[in-house]
Amino acid sequence: MAGKQNEKRKSAKSSEKRLEKPAKRETREKSGKRSAAEGFGARPLRELLRVTPGERPDLGGIDPSATPGGPVDKAAGVAATALLAQPLGSLQERLYAASTAGDRRRVLLILQGMDTSGKGGTLKHVIGLFNPSGCRIKAFKAPTEEELGHPFLWRIKQELPRPGEIGIFDRSHYEDVLIARVRELVPRNRVRARYAQINRFEKALADDGVSVVKVFLHIGYEEQRARLLQRLDNPDKHWKFNVGDIEERTVWPAYQEAYEVALERCSTDEAPWYVVPADRKWYRNWAISTLLREHLEDIDPQYPKGEFDVEECRRRLLAS
């Protein structure tokens, strides 16, 4: 048992290194414990998981079962995620409150990944930590006839979060440089042009107060097979099974390459990509919750001050 745990720790540390520039690697703190809600690594998780702008990640070299910067095991991970509910809820309330005074800042979480990587699970277990009235969720499917009649970013712009909201995209405009590239739905030169369009679009969002958090849920080939088999083995899950998923597995290498190219060309200072190992669902939930907390803390929204005489209002209420 001890040997297996050591192997897991080595694998996790190896994956952490592959996601960061060698020049920026730092020695982890040997002392100084932090609470479960604060995190477990010496560095912010968004530094450990971030794709360096301009560098192409090797997804084949990143262990999808790794837990970089995370709790030691599932039990600790589940407990740590639960403890994040209070600070996330508080930050969300402050973000919404600030918008009532004209603050335009908001958050957009973009979830991408192969089928069964956990996009739906993230919505259930992570977004469930927030007040749903302050969230705007959109799952993008195949484009409709109307959407096909517009530029590919048109349908995305219709679903953006409003000031004070947390928006969540289950798939996104990146489908137009992923499946479009793999299945050759449009000419390759048009796909190449879309990377630049996406970068300009996301920079405009950042300039307008949107914190764009893009997460690639990195699931392994064998783990995906296991999850698809679980759906087949359970009649109550047959509605989630798509026969086309089997066909998509035949072009797995092409999809991995398409993701690597998209991550390389569209991880920017304004809208970086994060690779979250997704074989372990508990780690996925903790990591995304932590990323959201770090971004909200960076925004640091504040309750607006009331523009009224507090004591006079109290006097009038007591006299009423």
Protein backbone atom coordinates (compact mmCIF):
# COMPACT_ATOMS: atom_id res chain seq x y z
CA MET A 1 0.00 0.00 0.00
CA ALA A 2 2.80 2.43 0.94
CA GLY A 3 4.55 1.68 -2.35
CA LYS A 4 1.44 2.51 -4.37
CA GLN A 5 0.96 5.78 -2.49
CA ASN A 6 4.57 6.77 -3.19
CA GLU A 7 4.08 6.02 -6.88
CA LYS A 8 0.94 8.23 -6.95
CA ARG A 9 2.80 11.09 -5.27
CA LYS A 10 5.68 10.81 -7.77
CA SER A 11 3.21 10.78 -10.66
CA ALA A 12 1.43 13.86 -9.33
CA LYS A 13 4.69 15.77 -8.91
CA SER A 14 5.77 14.78 -12.41
CA SER A 15 2.53 16.12 -13.88
CA GLU A 16 2.93 19.39 -11.99
CA LYS A 17 6.30 19.97 -13.61
CA ARG A 18 5.00 19.34 -17.12
CA LEU A 19 2.46 22.15 -16.75
CA GLU A 20 4.90 24.91 -15.86
CA LYS A 21 8.01 26.54 -17.29
CA PRO A 22 11.22 24.97 -15.99
CA ALA A 23 12.54 28.43 -15.11
CA LYS A 24 9.58 29.05 -12.83
CA ARG A 25 9.57 25.80 -10.91
CA GLU A 26 9.87 26.29 -7.18
CA THR A 27 10.61 24.03 -4.24
CA ARG A 28 7.44 23.13 -2.33
CA GLU A 29 7.31 24.31 1.28
CA LYS A 30 8.46 21.69 3.74
CA SER A 31 6.48 23.14 6.61
CA GLY A 32 3.47 25.34 7.31
CA LYS A 33 0.16 23.50 7.04
CA ARG A 34 -2.88 25.13 5.51
CA SER A 35 -6.52 24.33 6.13
CA ALA A 36 -8.47 22.15 3.73
CA ALA A 37 -10.40 25.16 2.46
CA GLU A 38 -7.20 27.11 1.72
CA GLY A 39 -5.51 24.45 -0.37
CA PHE A 40 -2.63 22.06 0.04
CA GLY A 41 0.22 23.23 -2.18
CA ALA A 42 2.75 25.94 -1.50
CA ARG A 43 1.78 27.64 -4.77
CA PRO A 44 -1.59 28.75 -6.14
CA LEU A 45 -3.25 25.97 -8.11
CA ARG A 46 -3.65 28.21 -11.14
CA GLU A 47 0.14 28.35 -11.37
CA LEU A 48 0.52 24.57 -11.14
CA LEU A 49 -2.14 23.74 -13.74
CA ARG A 50 -1.74 26.66 -16.12
CA VAL A 51 -0.66 26.10 -19.70
CA THR A 52 2.23 28.46 -20.40
CA PRO A 53 1.30 30.88 -23.21
CA GLY A 54 2.92 29.93 -26.49
CA GLU A 55 4.03 26.48 -25.34
CA ARG A 56 2.41 23.29 -26.57
CA PRO A 57 1.56 20.89 -23.74
CA ASP A 58 2.23 17.17 -24.14
CA LEU A 59 -1.07 15.67 -23.02
CA GLY A 60 0.35 12.18 -23.44
CA GLY A 61 2.94 13.05 -20.80
CA ILE A 62 0.44 14.36 -18.24
CA ASP A 63 -0.97 11.66 -15.98
CA PRO A 64 -4.80 12.00 -16.00
CA SER A 65 -4.95 10.30 -12.59
CA ALA A 66 -2.49 12.70 -10.97
CA THR A 67 -3.49 15.06 -8.16
CA PRO A 68 -1.06 18.03 -8.42
CA GLY A 69 -1.28 20.32 -5.41
CA GLY A 70 -4.26 18.42 -4.05
CA PRO A 71 -5.34 16.55 -0.92
CA VAL A 72 -3.75 13.21 -0.11
CA ASP A 73 -6.73 11.01 -0.91
CA LYS A 74 -10.43 10.91 -1.82
CA ALA A 75 -11.74 11.34 1.73
CA ALA A 76 -9.58 14.43 2.26
CA GLY A 77 -10.53 15.76 -1.17
CA VAL A 78 -14.27 15.44 -0.60
CA ALA A 79 -13.93 17.12 2.80
CA ALA A 80 -11.81 19.93 1.36
CA THR A 81 -14.30 20.59 -1.43
CA ALA A 82 -17.16 20.79 1.06
CA LEU A 83 -15.21 23.34 3.10
CA LEU A 84 -14.90 25.54 0.01
CA ALA A 85 -18.67 26.09 -0.11
CA GLN A 86 -18.68 28.88 2.49
CA PRO A 87 -15.87 31.03 1.02
CA LEU A 88 -17.16 30.52 -2.52
CA GLY A 89 -20.68 31.48 -1.50
CA SER A 90 -19.41 34.59 0.27
CA LEU A 91 -17.30 35.66 -2.70
CA GLN A 92 -20.22 35.09 -5.07
CA GLU A 93 -22.52 37.24 -2.93
CA ARG A 94 -19.97 40.04 -2.82
CA LEU A 95 -19.51 39.83 -6.60
CA TYR A 96 -23.24 40.16 -7.17
CA ALA A 97 -23.59 42.92 -4.57
CA ALA A 98 -20.79 44.92 -6.21
CA SER A 99 -22.62 44.74 -9.55
CA THR A 100 -25.60 46.61 -8.06
CA ALA A 101 -23.26 49.60 -7.66
CA GLY A 102 -21.98 49.45 -11.24
CA ASP A 103 -19.11 46.95 -10.95
CA ARG A 104 -19.04 45.10 -14.30
CA ARG A 105 -16.78 42.24 -13.23
CA ARG A 106 -17.93 38.63 -13.60
CA VAL A 107 -16.54 35.13 -14.10
CA LEU A 108 -16.82 32.77 -17.07
CA LEU A 109 -15.86 29.12 -16.48
CA ILE A 110 -15.34 27.21 -19.73
CA LEU A 111 -15.31 23.41 -19.50
CA GLN A 112 -13.87 21.35 -22.35
CA GLY A 113 -12.90 17.71 -22.51
CA MET A 114 -13.54 14.38 -24.16
CA ASP A 115 -16.87 12.64 -23.56
CA THR A 116 -17.26 11.38 -19.95
CA SER A 117 -14.46 13.69 -18.74
CA GLY A 118 -16.83 15.20 -16.18
CA LYS A 119 -18.32 18.40 -17.55
CA GLY A 120 -21.76 17.46 -16.25
CA GLY A 121 -20.32 16.22 -12.97
CA THR A 122 -18.57 19.54 -12.48
CA LEU A 123 -21.86 21.37 -12.92
CA LYS A 124 -23.45 19.16 -10.27
CA HIS A 125 -20.71 19.04 -7.66
CA VAL A 126 -18.89 22.36 -8.11
CA ILE A 127 -21.49 24.83 -9.33
CA GLY A 128 -23.80 23.32 -6.72
CA LEU A 129 -21.65 25.15 -4.16
CA PHE A 130 -22.95 28.48 -5.50
CA ASN A 131 -26.32 30.19 -5.30
CA PRO A 132 -27.93 29.14 -8.60
CA SER A 133 -29.70 32.50 -8.97
CA GLY A 134 -26.30 34.10 -9.57
CA CYS A 135 -25.16 31.57 -12.18
CA ARG A 136 -25.77 31.45 -15.91
CA ILE A 137 -25.24 27.93 -17.32
CA LYS A 138 -25.19 26.94 -20.97
CA ALA A 139 -24.49 23.54 -22.53
CA PHE A 140 -23.57 23.96 -26.18
CA LYS A 141 -24.73 21.23 -28.55
CA ALA A 142 -24.38 20.91 -32.33
CA PRO A 143 -25.20 24.28 -33.96
CA THR A 144 -28.80 24.87 -35.02
CA GLU A 145 -29.74 26.05 -38.50
CA GLU A 146 -30.05 29.58 -37.18
CA GLU A 147 -26.65 29.43 -35.48
CA LEU A 148 -25.01 28.07 -38.63
CA GLY A 149 -26.23 31.18 -40.42
CA HIS A 150 -24.05 33.38 -38.19
CA PRO A 151 -20.29 33.61 -37.45
CA PHE A 152 -19.23 30.86 -35.04
CA LEU A 153 -18.88 33.24 -32.08
CA TRP A 154 -22.40 34.60 -32.45
CA ARG A 155 -24.14 31.97 -30.32
CA ILE A 156 -21.45 32.28 -27.65
CA LYS A 157 -22.02 36.01 -27.28
CA GLN A 158 -25.72 35.42 -26.60
CA GLU A 159 -24.94 33.42 -23.45
CA LEU A 160 -22.25 35.48 -21.74
CA PRO A 161 -22.64 36.20 -18.01
CA ARG A 162 -23.91 39.60 -16.97
CA PRO A 163 -22.09 41.77 -14.42
CA GLY A 164 -22.03 40.07 -11.02
CA GLU A 165 -22.78 36.62 -12.43
CA ILE A 166 -20.80 33.41 -12.71
CA GLY A 167 -21.21 31.91 -16.16
CA ILE A 168 -20.49 28.27 -16.95
CA PHE A 169 -20.10 26.85 -20.45
CA ASP A 170 -20.38 23.07 -20.95
CA ARG A 171 -18.42 23.03 -24.22
CA SER A 172 -17.95 26.33 -26.01
CA HIS A 173 -16.55 28.12 -29.04
CA TYR A 174 -13.59 25.74 -28.86
CA GLU A 175 -15.71 23.06 -30.50
CA ASP A 176 -15.19 25.09 -33.66
CA VAL A 177 -11.43 24.41 -33.58
CA LEU A 178 -11.70 20.87 -32.16
CA ILE A 179 -14.36 18.76 -33.85
CA ALA A 180 -14.20 21.11 -36.84
CA ARG A 181 -10.49 20.29 -37.17
CA VAL A 182 -10.71 16.55 -36.48
CA ARG A 183 -13.74 15.94 -38.71
CA GLU A 184 -12.64 18.52 -41.31
CA LEU A 185 -16.00 20.29 -41.16
CA VAL A 186 -14.42 23.48 -42.48
CA PRO A 187 -11.21 24.12 -44.45
CA ARG A 188 -8.04 23.94 -42.35
CA ASN A 189 -7.10 27.57 -43.12
CA ARG A 190 -10.42 28.70 -41.64
CA VAL A 191 -9.72 26.71 -38.48
CA ARG A 192 -6.31 28.41 -38.21
CA ALA A 193 -7.93 31.83 -38.53
CA ARG A 194 -10.33 31.02 -35.71
CA TYR A 195 -7.56 30.76 -33.11
CA ALA A 196 -6.77 34.45 -33.61
CA GLN A 197 -10.47 35.33 -33.57
CA ILE A 198 -10.88 33.51 -30.27
CA ASN A 199 -7.92 35.30 -28.73
CA ARG A 200 -9.26 38.70 -29.76
CA PHE A 201 -12.71 37.79 -28.45
CA GLU A 202 -11.42 36.61 -25.08
CA LYS A 203 -9.17 39.66 -24.69
CA ALA A 204 -12.20 41.87 -25.28
CA LEU A 205 -14.04 39.94 -22.57
CA ALA A 206 -11.15 40.41 -20.14
CA ASP A 207 -11.00 44.13 -20.95
CA ASP A 208 -14.71 44.35 -20.12
CA GLY A 209 -14.27 42.79 -16.69
CA VAL A 210 -14.74 39.08 -17.41
CA SER A 211 -12.37 36.66 -15.63
CA VAL A 212 -12.16 33.82 -18.15
CA VAL A 213 -11.30 30.47 -16.53
CA LYS A 214 -10.76 27.81 -19.20
CA VAL A 215 -10.45 24.22 -17.97
CA PHE A 216 -9.49 21.20 -20.04
CA LEU A 217 -10.66 18.08 -18.22
CA HIS A 218 -7.89 15.59 -19.01
CA ILE A 219 -9.30 12.07 -18.91
CA GLY A 220 -7.37 8.94 -19.85
CA TYR A 221 -8.27 6.62 -22.73
CA GLU A 222 -8.78 3.61 -20.46
CA GLU A 223 -10.78 5.60 -17.92
CA GLN A 224 -13.13 6.80 -20.63
CA ARG A 225 -13.76 3.20 -21.70
CA ALA A 226 -14.53 2.24 -18.10
CA ARG A 227 -17.03 5.09 -17.73
CA LEU A 228 -18.74 4.26 -21.01
CA LEU A 229 -19.03 0.62 -19.94
CA GLN A 230 -20.61 1.73 -16.66
CA ARG A 231 -23.28 3.53 -18.66
CA LEU A 232 -23.93 0.42 -20.72
CA ASP A 233 -24.13 -1.77 -17.63
CA ASN A 234 -26.74 0.46 -15.96
CA PRO A 235 -30.10 0.79 -17.77
CA ASP A 236 -30.76 4.00 -15.86
CA LYS A 237 -27.70 5.50 -17.57
CA HIS A 238 -28.50 4.41 -21.12
CA TRP A 239 -29.93 7.87 -21.85
CA LYS A 240 -26.41 9.24 -21.32
CA PHE A 241 -24.81 6.78 -23.73
CA ASN A 242 -24.19 7.87 -27.29
CA VAL A 243 -23.23 5.22 -29.83
CA GLY A 244 -21.21 7.90 -31.57
CA ASP A 245 -18.83 7.99 -28.59
CA ILE A 246 -17.43 4.65 -29.74
CA GLU A 247 -16.63 6.10 -33.15
CA GLU A 248 -15.03 9.16 -31.57
CA ARG A 249 -12.61 6.89 -29.68
CA THR A 250 -11.18 5.73 -33.01
CA VAL A 251 -9.81 9.24 -33.59
CA TRP A 252 -8.60 9.81 -30.01
CA PRO A 253 -5.04 10.77 -31.11
CA ALA A 254 -6.45 13.37 -33.50
CA TYR A 255 -8.52 14.92 -30.72
CA GLN A 256 -5.54 15.00 -28.36
CA GLU A 257 -3.53 16.79 -31.04
CA ALA A 258 -6.38 19.22 -31.68
CA TYR A 259 -6.56 20.02 -27.97
CA GLU A 260 -2.79 20.49 -27.74
CA VAL A 261 -2.86 22.97 -30.62
CA ALA A 262 -5.83 24.88 -29.14
CA LEU A 263 -4.19 25.01 -25.71
CA GLU A 264 -0.94 26.25 -27.24
CA ARG A 265 -2.46 28.93 -29.43
CA CYS A 266 -5.21 30.12 -27.08
CA SER A 267 -3.61 30.12 -23.63
CA THR A 268 -2.98 33.82 -23.11
CA ASP A 269 -2.25 36.15 -20.22
CA GLU A 270 -5.83 37.43 -20.45
CA ALA A 271 -7.46 34.00 -20.71
CA PRO A 272 -5.14 31.12 -19.77
CA TRP A 273 -5.95 27.44 -20.07
CA TYR A 274 -5.73 25.03 -17.13
CA VAL A 275 -5.25 21.28 -17.53
CA VAL A 276 -7.09 19.44 -14.74
CA PRO A 277 -6.39 15.69 -14.48
CA ALA A 278 -9.90 14.21 -14.46
CA ASP A 279 -9.61 10.47 -13.84
CA ARG A 280 -10.22 11.06 -10.15
CA LYS A 281 -13.58 12.82 -9.85
CA TRP A 282 -12.90 14.04 -6.32
CA TYR A 283 -9.71 15.77 -7.45
CA ARG A 284 -11.48 17.30 -10.46
CA ASN A 285 -14.14 18.79 -8.17
CA TRP A 286 -11.62 20.11 -5.67
CA ALA A 287 -9.31 21.54 -8.34
CA ILE A 288 -12.02 23.45 -10.21
CA SER A 289 -13.53 24.73 -6.95
CA THR A 290 -10.08 25.92 -5.92
CA LEU A 291 -9.41 27.59 -9.27
CA LEU A 292 -12.68 29.47 -9.00
CA ARG A 293 -11.89 30.55 -5.44
CA GLU A 294 -8.46 31.83 -6.48
CA HIS A 295 -9.93 33.88 -9.33
CA LEU A 296 -12.71 35.30 -7.18
CA GLU A 297 -10.22 36.23 -4.48
CA ASP A 298 -8.14 37.98 -7.14
CA ILE A 299 -11.22 40.00 -8.15
CA ASP A 300 -11.78 40.75 -4.45
CA PRO A 301 -15.32 42.11 -4.82
CA GLN A 302 -16.55 44.37 -2.05
CA TYR A 303 -19.99 45.13 -0.67
CA PRO A 304 -21.02 48.62 -1.83
CA LYS A 305 -21.55 51.24 0.83
CA GLY A 306 -25.12 52.37 1.41
CA GLU A 307 -25.84 55.92 0.22
CA PHE A 308 -28.17 56.75 3.08
CA ASP A 309 -28.05 57.83 6.71
CA VAL A 310 -28.00 54.58 8.68
CA GLU A 311 -28.88 56.17 12.03
CA GLU A 312 -31.72 58.21 10.57
CA CYS A 313 -33.19 55.10 8.92
CA ARG A 314 -32.90 53.20 12.22
CA ARG A 315 -34.68 56.01 14.07
CA ARG A 316 -37.51 56.07 11.57
CA LEU A 317 -37.94 52.30 11.66
CA LEU A 318 -38.07 52.22 15.44
CA ALA A 319 -40.66 54.98 15.41
CA SER A 320 -42.85 53.27 12.81
